[in-house]
Amino acid sequence: ILTHTCREVAELKYGFDLMEEIREHEFLGEMVGDKLKHYPTVTRE
């Protein structure tokens, strides 16, 4: 479980990009499957 807390929504994008890269990766996507959960939160928006 990856939690990522930032002040603003735009600051979360790196985390979302990582998740997309893993899903699209030729061997990581299948290996990770649904084992990885991403929990992004913001404090000011």
All heavy atoms as atom14 arrays in JSON, in Angstrom:
{
  "sequence": "ILTHTCREVAELKYGFDLMEEIREHEFLGEMVGDKLKHYPTVTRE",
  "atom14_mask": [
    [1, 1, 1, 1, 1, 1, 1, 1, 0, 0, 0, 0, 0, 0],
    [1, 1, 1, 1, 1, 1, 1, 1, 0, 0, 0, 0, 0, 0],
    [1, 1, 1, 1, 1, 1, 1, 0, 0, 0, 0, 0, 0, 0],
    [1, 1, 1, 1, 1, 1, 1, 1, 1, 1, 0, 0, 0, 0],
    [1, 1, 1, 1, 1, 1, 1, 0, 0, 0, 0, 0, 0, 0],
    [1, 1, 1, 1, 1, 1, 0, 0, 0, 0, 0, 0, 0, 0],
    [1, 1, 1, 1, 1, 1, 1, 1, 1, 1, 1, 0, 0, 0],
    [1, 1, 1, 1, 1, 1, 1, 1, 1, 0, 0, 0, 0, 0],
    [1, 1, 1, 1, 1, 1, 1, 0, 0, 0, 0, 0, 0, 0],
    [1, 1, 1, 1, 1, 0, 0, 0, 0, 0, 0, 0, 0, 0],
    [1, 1, 1, 1, 1, 1, 1, 1, 1, 0, 0, 0, 0, 0],
    [1, 1, 1, 1, 1, 1, 1, 1, 0, 0, 0, 0, 0, 0],
    [1, 1, 1, 1, 1, 1, 1, 1, 1, 0, 0, 0, 0, 0],
    [1, 1, 1, 1, 1, 1, 1, 1, 1, 1, 1, 1, 0, 0],
    [1, 1, 1, 1, 0, 0, 0, 0, 0, 0, 0, 0, 0, 0],
    [1, 1, 1, 1, 1, 1, 1, 1, 1, 1, 1, 0, 0, 0],
    [1, 1, 1, 1, 1, 1, 1, 1, 0, 0, 0, 0, 0, 0],
    [1, 1, 1, 1, 1, 1, 1, 1, 0, 0, 0, 0, 0, 0],
    [1, 1, 1, 1, 1, 1, 1, 1, 0, 0, 0, 0, 0, 0],
    [1, 1, 1, 1, 1, 1, 1, 1, 1, 0, 0, 0, 0, 0],
    [1, 1, 1, 1, 1, 1, 1, 1, 1, 0, 0, 0, 0, 0],
    [1, 1, 1, 1, 1, 1, 1, 1, 0, 0, 0, 0, 0, 0],
    [1, 1, 1, 1, 1, 1, 1, 1, 1, 1, 1, 0, 0, 0],
    [1, 1, 1, 1, 1, 1, 1, 1, 1, 0, 0, 0, 0, 0],
    [1, 1, 1, 1, 1, 1, 1, 1, 1, 1, 0, 0, 0, 0],
    [1, 1, 1, 1, 1, 1, 1, 1, 1, 0, 0, 0, 0, 0],
    [1, 1, 1, 1, 1, 1, 1, 1, 1, 1, 1, 0, 0, 0],
    [1, 1, 1, 1, 1, 1, 1, 1, 0, 0, 0, 0, 0, 0],
    [1, 1, 1, 1, 0, 0, 0, 0, 0, 0, 0, 0, 0, 0],
    [1, 1, 1, 1, 1, 1, 1, 1, 1, 0, 0, 0, 0, 0],
    [1, 1, 1, 1, 1, 1, 1, 1, 0, 0, 0, 0, 0, 0],
    [1, 1, 1, 1, 1, 1, 1, 0, 0, 0, 0, 0, 0, 0],
    [1, 1, 1, 1, 0, 0, 0, 0, 0, 0, 0, 0, 0, 0],
    [1, 1, 1, 1, 1, 1, 1, 1, 0, 0, 0, 0, 0, 0],
    [1, 1, 1, 1, 1, 1, 1, 1, 1, 0, 0, 0, 0, 0],
    [1, 1, 1, 1, 1, 1, 1, 1, 0, 0, 0, 0, 0, 0],
    [1, 1, 1, 1, 1, 1, 1, 1, 1, 0, 0, 0, 0, 0],
    [1, 1, 1, 1, 1, 1, 1, 1, 1, 1, 0, 0, 0, 0],
    [1, 1, 1, 1, 1, 1, 1, 1, 1, 1, 1, 1, 0, 0],
    [1, 1, 1, 1, 1, 1, 1, 0, 0, 0, 0, 0, 0, 0],
    [1, 1, 1, 1, 1, 1, 1, 0, 0, 0, 0, 0, 0, 0],
    [1, 1, 1, 1, 1, 1, 1, 0, 0, 0, 0, 0, 0, 0],
    [1, 1, 1, 1, 1, 1, 1, 0, 0, 0, 0, 0, 0, 0],
    [1, 1, 1, 1, 1, 1, 1, 1, 1, 1, 1, 0, 0, 0],
    [1, 1, 1, 1, 1, 1, 1, 1, 1, 0, 0, 0, 0, 0]
  ],
  "atom14_positions": [
    [[0.85, -1.19, 0.0], [0.0, 0.0, 0.0], [0.88, 1.24, 0.0], [1.66, 1.46, 0.94], [-0.94, 0.04, 1.23], [-1.89, -1.16, 1.21], [-1.75, 1.32, 1.24], [-1.43, -2.31, 2.06], [0.0, 0.0, 0.0], [0.0, 0.0, 0.0], [0.0, 0.0, 0.0], [0.0, 0.0, 0.0], [0.0, 0.0, 0.0], [0.0, 0.0, 0.0]],
    [[0.79, 2.04, -1.06], [1.55, 3.28, -1.16], [0.62, 4.45, -0.85], [-0.33, 4.71, -1.58], [2.12, 3.44, -2.58], [2.73, 4.81, -2.91], [3.97, 5.07, -2.05], [3.08, 4.9, -4.4], [0.0, 0.0, 0.0], [0.0, 0.0, 0.0], [0.0, 0.0, 0.0], [0.0, 0.0, 0.0], [0.0, 0.0, 0.0], [0.0, 0.0, 0.0]],
    [[0.88, 5.16, 0.25], [0.13, 6.38, 0.53], [0.99, 7.57, 0.16], [2.21, 7.57, 0.39], [-0.29, 6.47, 2.02], [0.81, 6.96, 2.8], [-0.76, 5.13, 2.56], [0.0, 0.0, 0.0], [0.0, 0.0, 0.0], [0.0, 0.0, 0.0], [0.0, 0.0, 0.0], [0.0, 0.0, 0.0], [0.0, 0.0, 0.0], [0.0, 0.0, 0.0]],
    [[0.37, 8.57, -0.43], [1.1, 9.77, -0.87], [0.25, 10.99, -0.56], [-0.83, 11.15, -1.13], [1.4, 9.69, -2.36], [2.3, 10.79, -2.86], [2.25, 11.27, -4.15], [3.27, 11.5, -2.23], [3.15, 12.21, -4.3], [3.79, 12.37, -3.14], [0.0, 0.0, 0.0], [0.0, 0.0, 0.0], [0.0, 0.0, 0.0], [0.0, 0.0, 0.0]],
    [[0.7, 11.81, 0.37], [-0.05, 13.0, 0.78], [0.68, 14.26, 0.33], [1.89, 14.41, 0.58], [-0.22, 13.02, 2.3], [-0.9, 11.83, 2.71], [-1.04, 14.23, 2.74], [0.0, 0.0, 0.0], [0.0, 0.0, 0.0], [0.0, 0.0, 0.0], [0.0, 0.0, 0.0], [0.0, 0.0, 0.0], [0.0, 0.0, 0.0], [0.0, 0.0, 0.0]],
    [[-0.04, 15.14, -0.34], [0.5, 16.43, -0.79], [-0.48, 17.54, -0.44], [-1.61, 17.28, -0.03], [0.75, 16.41, -2.3], [2.02, 15.22, -2.83], [0.0, 0.0, 0.0], [0.0, 0.0, 0.0], [0.0, 0.0, 0.0], [0.0, 0.0, 0.0], [0.0, 0.0, 0.0], [0.0, 0.0, 0.0], [0.0, 0.0, 0.0], [0.0, 0.0, 0.0]],
    [[-0.06, 18.76, -0.63], [-0.96, 19.88, -0.36], [-2.01, 20.03, -1.46], [-3.17, 20.28, -1.17], [-0.14, 21.18, -0.23], [0.77, 21.22, 0.98], [1.75, 22.37, 0.9], [2.6, 22.25, -0.28], [3.53, 23.13, -0.64], [3.73, 24.2, 0.09], [4.27, 22.95, -1.72], [0.0, 0.0, 0.0], [0.0, 0.0, 0.0], [0.0, 0.0, 0.0]],
    [[-1.57, 19.9, -2.72], [-2.46, 20.15, -3.86], [-2.53, 18.94, -4.78], [-1.6, 18.14, -4.85], [-1.96, 21.39, -4.63], [-1.9, 22.65, -3.77], [-1.16, 23.78, -4.47], [-0.67, 23.58, -5.59], [-1.08, 24.87, -3.86], [0.0, 0.0, 0.0], [0.0, 0.0, 0.0], [0.0, 0.0, 0.0], [0.0, 0.0, 0.0], [0.0, 0.0, 0.0]],
    [[-3.63, 18.83, -5.5], [-3.87, 17.69, -6.38], [-2.77, 17.56, -7.44], [-2.32, 16.45, -7.74], [-5.26, 17.81, -7.05], [-5.47, 16.7, -8.06], [-6.37, 17.8, -6.0], [0.0, 0.0, 0.0], [0.0, 0.0, 0.0], [0.0, 0.0, 0.0], [0.0, 0.0, 0.0], [0.0, 0.0, 0.0], [0.0, 0.0, 0.0], [0.0, 0.0, 0.0]],
    [[-2.31, 18.68, -8.0], [-1.3, 18.63, -9.05], [-0.01, 17.97, -8.58], [0.73, 17.38, -9.38], [-1.0, 20.05, -9.55], [0.0, 0.0, 0.0], [0.0, 0.0, 0.0], [0.0, 0.0, 0.0], [0.0, 0.0, 0.0], [0.0, 0.0, 0.0], [0.0, 0.0, 0.0], [0.0, 0.0, 0.0], [0.0, 0.0, 0.0], [0.0, 0.0, 0.0]],
    [[0.25, 18.02, -7.29], [1.47, 17.46, -6.74], [1.42, 15.93, -6.63], [2.44, 15.29, -6.36], [1.76, 18.07, -5.37], [2.01, 19.58, -5.44], [2.1, 20.23, -4.06], [1.6, 19.63, -3.09], [2.67, 21.33, -3.97], [0.0, 0.0, 0.0], [0.0, 0.0, 0.0], [0.0, 0.0, 0.0], [0.0, 0.0, 0.0], [0.0, 0.0, 0.0]],
    [[0.26, 15.36, -6.87], [0.1, 13.91, -6.82], [0.45, 13.22, -8.13], [0.55, 12.0, -8.19], [-1.35, 13.54, -6.47], [-1.89, 13.96, -5.1], [-3.38, 13.67, -5.03], [-1.15, 13.23, -3.98], [0.0, 0.0, 0.0], [0.0, 0.0, 0.0], [0.0, 0.0, 0.0], [0.0, 0.0, 0.0], [0.0, 0.0, 0.0], [0.0, 0.0, 0.0]],
    [[0.65, 14.0, -9.18], [0.75, 13.42, -10.54], [1.9, 12.42, -10.68], [1.76, 11.41, -11.38], [0.88, 14.51, -11.59], [0.77, 13.96, -13.02], [0.78, 15.05, -14.06], [0.49, 14.49, -15.46], [1.4, 13.41, -15.87], [0.0, 0.0, 0.0], [0.0, 0.0, 0.0], [0.0, 0.0, 0.0], [0.0, 0.0, 0.0], [0.0, 0.0, 0.0]],
    [[3.02, 12.67, -10.05], [4.14, 11.74, -10.15], [3.72, 10.34, -9.71], [4.05, 9.34, -10.35], [5.31, 12.24, -9.32], [6.53, 11.34, -9.34], [7.21, 11.07, -10.53], [7.02, 10.76, -8.17], [8.33, 10.26, -10.56], [8.15, 9.94, -8.19], [8.79, 9.71, -9.39], [9.9, 8.89, -9.4], [0.0, 0.0, 0.0], [0.0, 0.0, 0.0]],
    [[2.97, 10.25, -8.62], [2.49, 8.97, -8.14], [1.57, 8.28, -9.14], [1.67, 7.07, -9.36], [0.0, 0.0, 0.0], [0.0, 0.0, 0.0], [0.0, 0.0, 0.0], [0.0, 0.0, 0.0], [0.0, 0.0, 0.0], [0.0, 0.0, 0.0], [0.0, 0.0, 0.0], [0.0, 0.0, 0.0], [0.0, 0.0, 0.0], [0.0, 0.0, 0.0]],
    [[0.68, 9.05, -9.76], [-0.2, 8.47, -10.77], [0.59, 8.01, -11.99], [0.28, 6.98, -12.59], [-1.28, 9.48, -11.17], [-2.37, 9.63, -10.14], [-2.45, 10.76, -9.34], [-3.31, 8.62, -9.95], [-3.45, 10.89, -8.38], [-4.31, 8.73, -9.0], [-4.38, 9.87, -8.21], [0.0, 0.0, 0.0], [0.0, 0.0, 0.0], [0.0, 0.0, 0.0]],
    [[1.61, 8.78, -12.36], [2.46, 8.38, -13.49], [3.17, 7.05, -13.19], [3.3, 6.19, -14.07], [3.5, 9.46, -13.78], [2.91, 10.66, -14.51], [1.72, 10.61, -14.87], [3.64, 11.65, -14.72], [0.0, 0.0, 0.0], [0.0, 0.0, 0.0], [0.0, 0.0, 0.0], [0.0, 0.0, 0.0], [0.0, 0.0, 0.0], [0.0, 0.0, 0.0]],
    [[3.62, 6.89, -11.96], [4.28, 5.63, -11.57], [3.34, 4.45, -11.72], [3.71, 3.39, -12.25], [4.76, 5.72, -10.13], [5.92, 6.66, -9.83], [6.13, 6.77, -8.32], [7.2, 6.17, -10.5], [0.0, 0.0, 0.0], [0.0, 0.0, 0.0], [0.0, 0.0, 0.0], [0.0, 0.0, 0.0], [0.0, 0.0, 0.0], [0.0, 0.0, 0.0]],
    [[2.11, 4.62, -11.24], [1.13, 3.54, -11.33], [0.85, 3.16, -12.78], [0.75, 1.99, -13.13], [-0.17, 3.95, -10.63], [0.0, 4.28, -9.16], [0.61, 2.91, -8.16], [-0.84, 1.85, -8.15], [0.0, 0.0, 0.0], [0.0, 0.0, 0.0], [0.0, 0.0, 0.0], [0.0, 0.0, 0.0], [0.0, 0.0, 0.0], [0.0, 0.0, 0.0]],
    [[0.76, 4.17, -13.64], [0.52, 3.91, -15.06], [1.71, 3.2, -15.7], [1.53, 2.26, -16.5], [0.27, 5.25, -15.78], [-0.11, 5.12, -17.24], [-1.45, 4.43, -17.46], [-2.28, 4.38, -16.52], [-1.68, 3.92, -18.58], [0.0, 0.0, 0.0], [0.0, 0.0, 0.0], [0.0, 0.0, 0.0], [0.0, 0.0, 0.0], [0.0, 0.0, 0.0]],
    [[2.92, 3.6, -15.34], [4.12, 2.96, -15.89], [4.18, 1.49, -15.49], [4.56, 0.63, -16.3], [5.37, 3.7, -15.4], [5.56, 5.07, -16.05], [6.7, 5.86, -15.43], [7.57, 5.24, -14.77], [6.72, 7.09, -15.58], [0.0, 0.0, 0.0], [0.0, 0.0, 0.0], [0.0, 0.0, 0.0], [0.0, 0.0, 0.0], [0.0, 0.0, 0.0]],
    [[3.81, 1.2, -14.26], [3.82, -0.19, -13.79], [2.79, -1.01, -14.56], [3.06, -2.13, -15.01], [3.56, -0.26, -12.28], [4.77, 0.3, -11.51], [3.26, -1.68, -11.83], [4.54, 0.48, -10.03], [0.0, 0.0, 0.0], [0.0, 0.0, 0.0], [0.0, 0.0, 0.0], [0.0, 0.0, 0.0], [0.0, 0.0, 0.0], [0.0, 0.0, 0.0]],
    [[1.59, -0.47, -14.71], [0.53, -1.19, -15.43], [0.93, -1.51, -16.86], [0.59, -2.56, -17.4], [-0.77, -0.38, -15.41], [-1.56, -0.48, -14.11], [-2.95, 0.09, -14.28], [-2.93, 1.52, -14.51], [-3.01, 2.44, -13.55], [-3.12, 2.07, -12.29], [-2.99, 3.72, -13.84], [0.0, 0.0, 0.0], [0.0, 0.0, 0.0], [0.0, 0.0, 0.0]],
    [[1.66, -0.59, -17.48], [2.01, -0.75, -18.9], [3.33, -1.49, -19.11], [3.68, -1.82, -20.24], [2.08, 0.63, -19.56], [0.73, 1.33, -19.64], [0.81, 2.66, -20.35], [1.95, 3.09, -20.68], [-0.24, 3.27, -20.6], [0.0, 0.0, 0.0], [0.0, 0.0, 0.0], [0.0, 0.0, 0.0], [0.0, 0.0, 0.0], [0.0, 0.0, 0.0]],
    [[4.07, -1.75, -18.03], [5.38, -2.38, -18.17], [5.23, -3.85, -18.59], [4.34, -4.55, -18.11], [6.16, -2.28, -16.87], [7.62, -2.55, -17.02], [8.14, -3.83, -16.98], [8.67, -1.72, -17.22], [9.45, -3.77, -17.14], [9.81, -2.5, -17.29], [0.0, 0.0, 0.0], [0.0, 0.0, 0.0], [0.0, 0.0, 0.0], [0.0, 0.0, 0.0]],
    [[6.13, -4.31, -19.44], [5.98, -5.63, -20.03], [6.01, -6.77, -19.02], [5.32, -7.78, -19.21], [7.07, -5.86, -21.1], [8.49, -5.71, -20.6], [9.5, -5.87, -21.72], [9.13, -6.46, -22.76], [10.65, -5.41, -21.57], [0.0, 0.0, 0.0], [0.0, 0.0, 0.0], [0.0, 0.0, 0.0], [0.0, 0.0, 0.0], [0.0, 0.0, 0.0]],
    [[6.79, -6.68, -17.95], [6.76, -7.77, -16.97], [6.25, -7.32, -15.6], [5.66, -8.11, -14.87], [8.13, -8.44, -16.84], [9.2, -7.64, -16.16], [9.27, -7.58, -14.77], [10.16, -6.96, -16.9], [10.27, -6.85, -14.14], [11.17, -6.23, -16.27], [11.21, -6.18, -14.89], [0.0, 0.0, 0.0], [0.0, 0.0, 0.0], [0.0, 0.0, 0.0]],
    [[6.43, -6.05, -15.24], [5.96, -5.59, -13.94], [4.44, -5.61, -13.83], [3.88, -5.98, -12.8], [6.45, -4.16, -13.66], [7.83, -3.99, -13.05], [8.12, -2.52, -12.83], [7.98, -4.77, -11.76], [0.0, 0.0, 0.0], [0.0, 0.0, 0.0], [0.0, 0.0, 0.0], [0.0, 0.0, 0.0], [0.0, 0.0, 0.0], [0.0, 0.0, 0.0]],
    [[3.77, -5.22, -14.9], [2.31, -5.15, -14.87], [1.68, -6.47, -14.46], [0.79, -6.52, -13.6], [0.0, 0.0, 0.0], [0.0, 0.0, 0.0], [0.0, 0.0, 0.0], [0.0, 0.0, 0.0], [0.0, 0.0, 0.0], [0.0, 0.0, 0.0], [0.0, 0.0, 0.0], [0.0, 0.0, 0.0], [0.0, 0.0, 0.0], [0.0, 0.0, 0.0]],
    [[2.16, -7.56, -15.03], [1.61, -8.88, -14.72], [2.02, -9.33, -13.33], [1.23, -9.9, -12.58], [2.08, -9.9, -15.77], [1.47, -11.28, -15.58], [1.85, -12.23, -16.71], [2.33, -11.75, -17.76], [1.69, -13.44, -16.52], [0.0, 0.0, 0.0], [0.0, 0.0, 0.0], [0.0, 0.0, 0.0], [0.0, 0.0, 0.0], [0.0, 0.0, 0.0]],
    [[3.27, -9.05, -12.94], [3.76, -9.47, -11.64], [3.04, -8.74, -10.5], [2.66, -9.34, -9.49], [5.27, -9.21, -11.53], [5.83, -9.43, -10.14], [7.62, -9.21, -10.09], [8.15, -10.71, -10.9], [0.0, 0.0, 0.0], [0.0, 0.0, 0.0], [0.0, 0.0, 0.0], [0.0, 0.0, 0.0], [0.0, 0.0, 0.0], [0.0, 0.0, 0.0]],
    [[2.84, -7.43, -10.67], [2.23, -6.61, -9.62], [0.73, -6.9, -9.52], [0.19, -7.08, -8.43], [2.48, -5.12, -9.87], [1.71, -4.26, -8.88], [3.98, -4.81, -9.8], [0.0, 0.0, 0.0], [0.0, 0.0, 0.0], [0.0, 0.0, 0.0], [0.0, 0.0, 0.0], [0.0, 0.0, 0.0], [0.0, 0.0, 0.0], [0.0, 0.0, 0.0]],
    [[0.07, -6.95, -10.66], [-1.37, -7.24, -10.68], [-2.12, -6.33, -9.73], [-1.98, -5.11, -9.77], [0.0, 0.0, 0.0], [0.0, 0.0, 0.0], [0.0, 0.0, 0.0], [0.0, 0.0, 0.0], [0.0, 0.0, 0.0], [0.0, 0.0, 0.0], [0.0, 0.0, 0.0], [0.0, 0.0, 0.0], [0.0, 0.0, 0.0], [0.0, 0.0, 0.0]],
    [[-2.91, -6.92, -8.83], [-3.68, -6.13, -7.87], [-3.02, -6.12, -6.49], [-3.67, -5.78, -5.5], [-5.11, -6.65, -7.77], [-5.17, -8.12, -7.35], [-4.1, -8.72, -7.13], [-6.29, -8.66, -7.24], [0.0, 0.0, 0.0], [0.0, 0.0, 0.0], [0.0, 0.0, 0.0], [0.0, 0.0, 0.0], [0.0, 0.0, 0.0], [0.0, 0.0, 0.0]],
    [[-1.74, -6.49, -6.43], [-1.04, -6.48, -5.14], [-0.76, -5.07, -4.65], [-0.6, -4.84, -3.44], [0.29, -7.23, -5.26], [0.17, -8.74, -5.35], [1.56, -9.37, -5.33], [1.48, -10.89, -5.27], [2.83, -11.5, -5.17], [0.0, 0.0, 0.0], [0.0, 0.0, 0.0], [0.0, 0.0, 0.0], [0.0, 0.0, 0.0], [0.0, 0.0, 0.0]],
    [[-0.66, -4.1, -5.56], [-0.3, -2.73, -5.22], [-1.53, -1.84, -5.15], [-2.31, -1.76, -6.1], [0.69, -2.17, -6.25], [1.1, -0.71, -6.1], [1.8, -0.45, -4.77], [2.0, -0.3, -7.28], [0.0, 0.0, 0.0], [0.0, 0.0, 0.0], [0.0, 0.0, 0.0], [0.0, 0.0, 0.0], [0.0, 0.0, 0.0], [0.0, 0.0, 0.0]],
    [[-1.69, -1.17, -4.01], [-2.78, -0.2, -3.84], [-2.18, 1.19, -3.65], [-1.2, 1.35, -2.91], [-3.64, -0.57, -2.63], [-4.44, -1.86, -2.78], [-5.28, -2.13, -1.54], [-6.23, -3.31, -1.76], [-5.5, -4.58, -1.93], [0.0, 0.0, 0.0], [0.0, 0.0, 0.0], [0.0, 0.0, 0.0], [0.0, 0.0, 0.0], [0.0, 0.0, 0.0]],
    [[-2.78, 2.17, -4.32], [-2.29, 3.55, -4.28], [-3.33, 4.4, -3.55], [-4.5, 4.42, -3.94], [-2.09, 4.03, -5.73], [-1.62, 5.43, -5.86], [-1.95, 6.22, -6.95], [-0.85, 6.21, -5.07], [-1.4, 7.41, -6.81], [-0.73, 7.43, -5.67], [0.0, 0.0, 0.0], [0.0, 0.0, 0.0], [0.0, 0.0, 0.0], [0.0, 0.0, 0.0]],
    [[-2.9, 5.1, -2.5], [-3.83, 5.9, -1.7], [-3.34, 7.34, -1.63], [-2.58, 7.72, -0.74], [-3.95, 5.3, -0.3], [-5.06, 5.89, 0.54], [-6.38, 5.46, 0.41], [-4.79, 6.87, 1.49], [-7.39, 5.99, 1.19], [-5.79, 7.41, 2.28], [-7.09, 6.97, 2.13], [-8.1, 7.49, 2.91], [0.0, 0.0, 0.0], [0.0, 0.0, 0.0]],
    [[-3.75, 8.19, -2.62], [-3.32, 9.59, -2.64], [-4.28, 10.48, -1.84], [-5.5, 10.32, -1.91], [-3.39, 9.93, -4.13], [-4.5, 9.07, -4.66], [-4.53, 7.82, -3.81], [0.0, 0.0, 0.0], [0.0, 0.0, 0.0], [0.0, 0.0, 0.0], [0.0, 0.0, 0.0], [0.0, 0.0, 0.0], [0.0, 0.0, 0.0], [0.0, 0.0, 0.0]],
    [[-3.73, 11.41, -1.07], [-4.56, 12.36, -0.32], [-3.98, 13.76, -0.45], [-2.76, 13.93, -0.66], [-4.65, 12.0, 1.17], [-3.44, 12.39, 1.85], [-4.88, 10.52, 1.38], [0.0, 0.0, 0.0], [0.0, 0.0, 0.0], [0.0, 0.0, 0.0], [0.0, 0.0, 0.0], [0.0, 0.0, 0.0], [0.0, 0.0, 0.0], [0.0, 0.0, 0.0]],
    [[-4.85, 14.76, -0.31], [-4.4, 16.16, -0.32], [-4.93, 16.87, 0.92], [-5.93, 16.47, 1.51], [-4.85, 16.91, -1.59], [-4.23, 16.31, -2.83], [-6.35, 16.92, -1.72], [0.0, 0.0, 0.0], [0.0, 0.0, 0.0], [0.0, 0.0, 0.0], [0.0, 0.0, 0.0], [0.0, 0.0, 0.0], [0.0, 0.0, 0.0], [0.0, 0.0, 0.0]],
    [[-4.23, 17.93, 1.3], [-4.6, 18.65, 2.52], [-5.18, 20.04, 2.28], [-5.76, 20.62, 3.19], [-3.37, 18.79, 3.44], [-2.32, 19.48, 2.74], [-2.86, 17.42, 3.88], [0.0, 0.0, 0.0], [0.0, 0.0, 0.0], [0.0, 0.0, 0.0], [0.0, 0.0, 0.0], [0.0, 0.0, 0.0], [0.0, 0.0, 0.0], [0.0, 0.0, 0.0]],
    [[-5.04, 20.59, 1.06], [-5.46, 21.98, 0.86], [-6.49, 22.17, -0.26], [-6.85, 23.3, -0.57], [-4.24, 22.86, 0.57], [-3.26, 22.96, 1.73], [-2.19, 23.98, 1.47], [-1.23, 24.04, 2.57], [-0.16, 24.84, 2.56], [0.08, 25.63, 1.52], [0.67, 24.84, 3.59], [0.0, 0.0, 0.0], [0.0, 0.0, 0.0], [0.0, 0.0, 0.0]],
    [[-6.94, 21.1, -0.86], [-7.93, 21.2, -1.93], [-8.98, 20.12, -1.76], [-8.76, 19.13, -1.06], [-7.26, 21.06, -3.32], [-6.36, 22.21, -3.7], [-5.81, 22.07, -5.11], [-5.69, 20.93, -5.61], [-5.5, 23.1, -5.71], [0.0, 0.0, 0.0], [0.0, 0.0, 0.0], [0.0, 0.0, 0.0], [0.0, 0.0, 0.0], [0.0, 0.0, 0.0]]
  ]
}
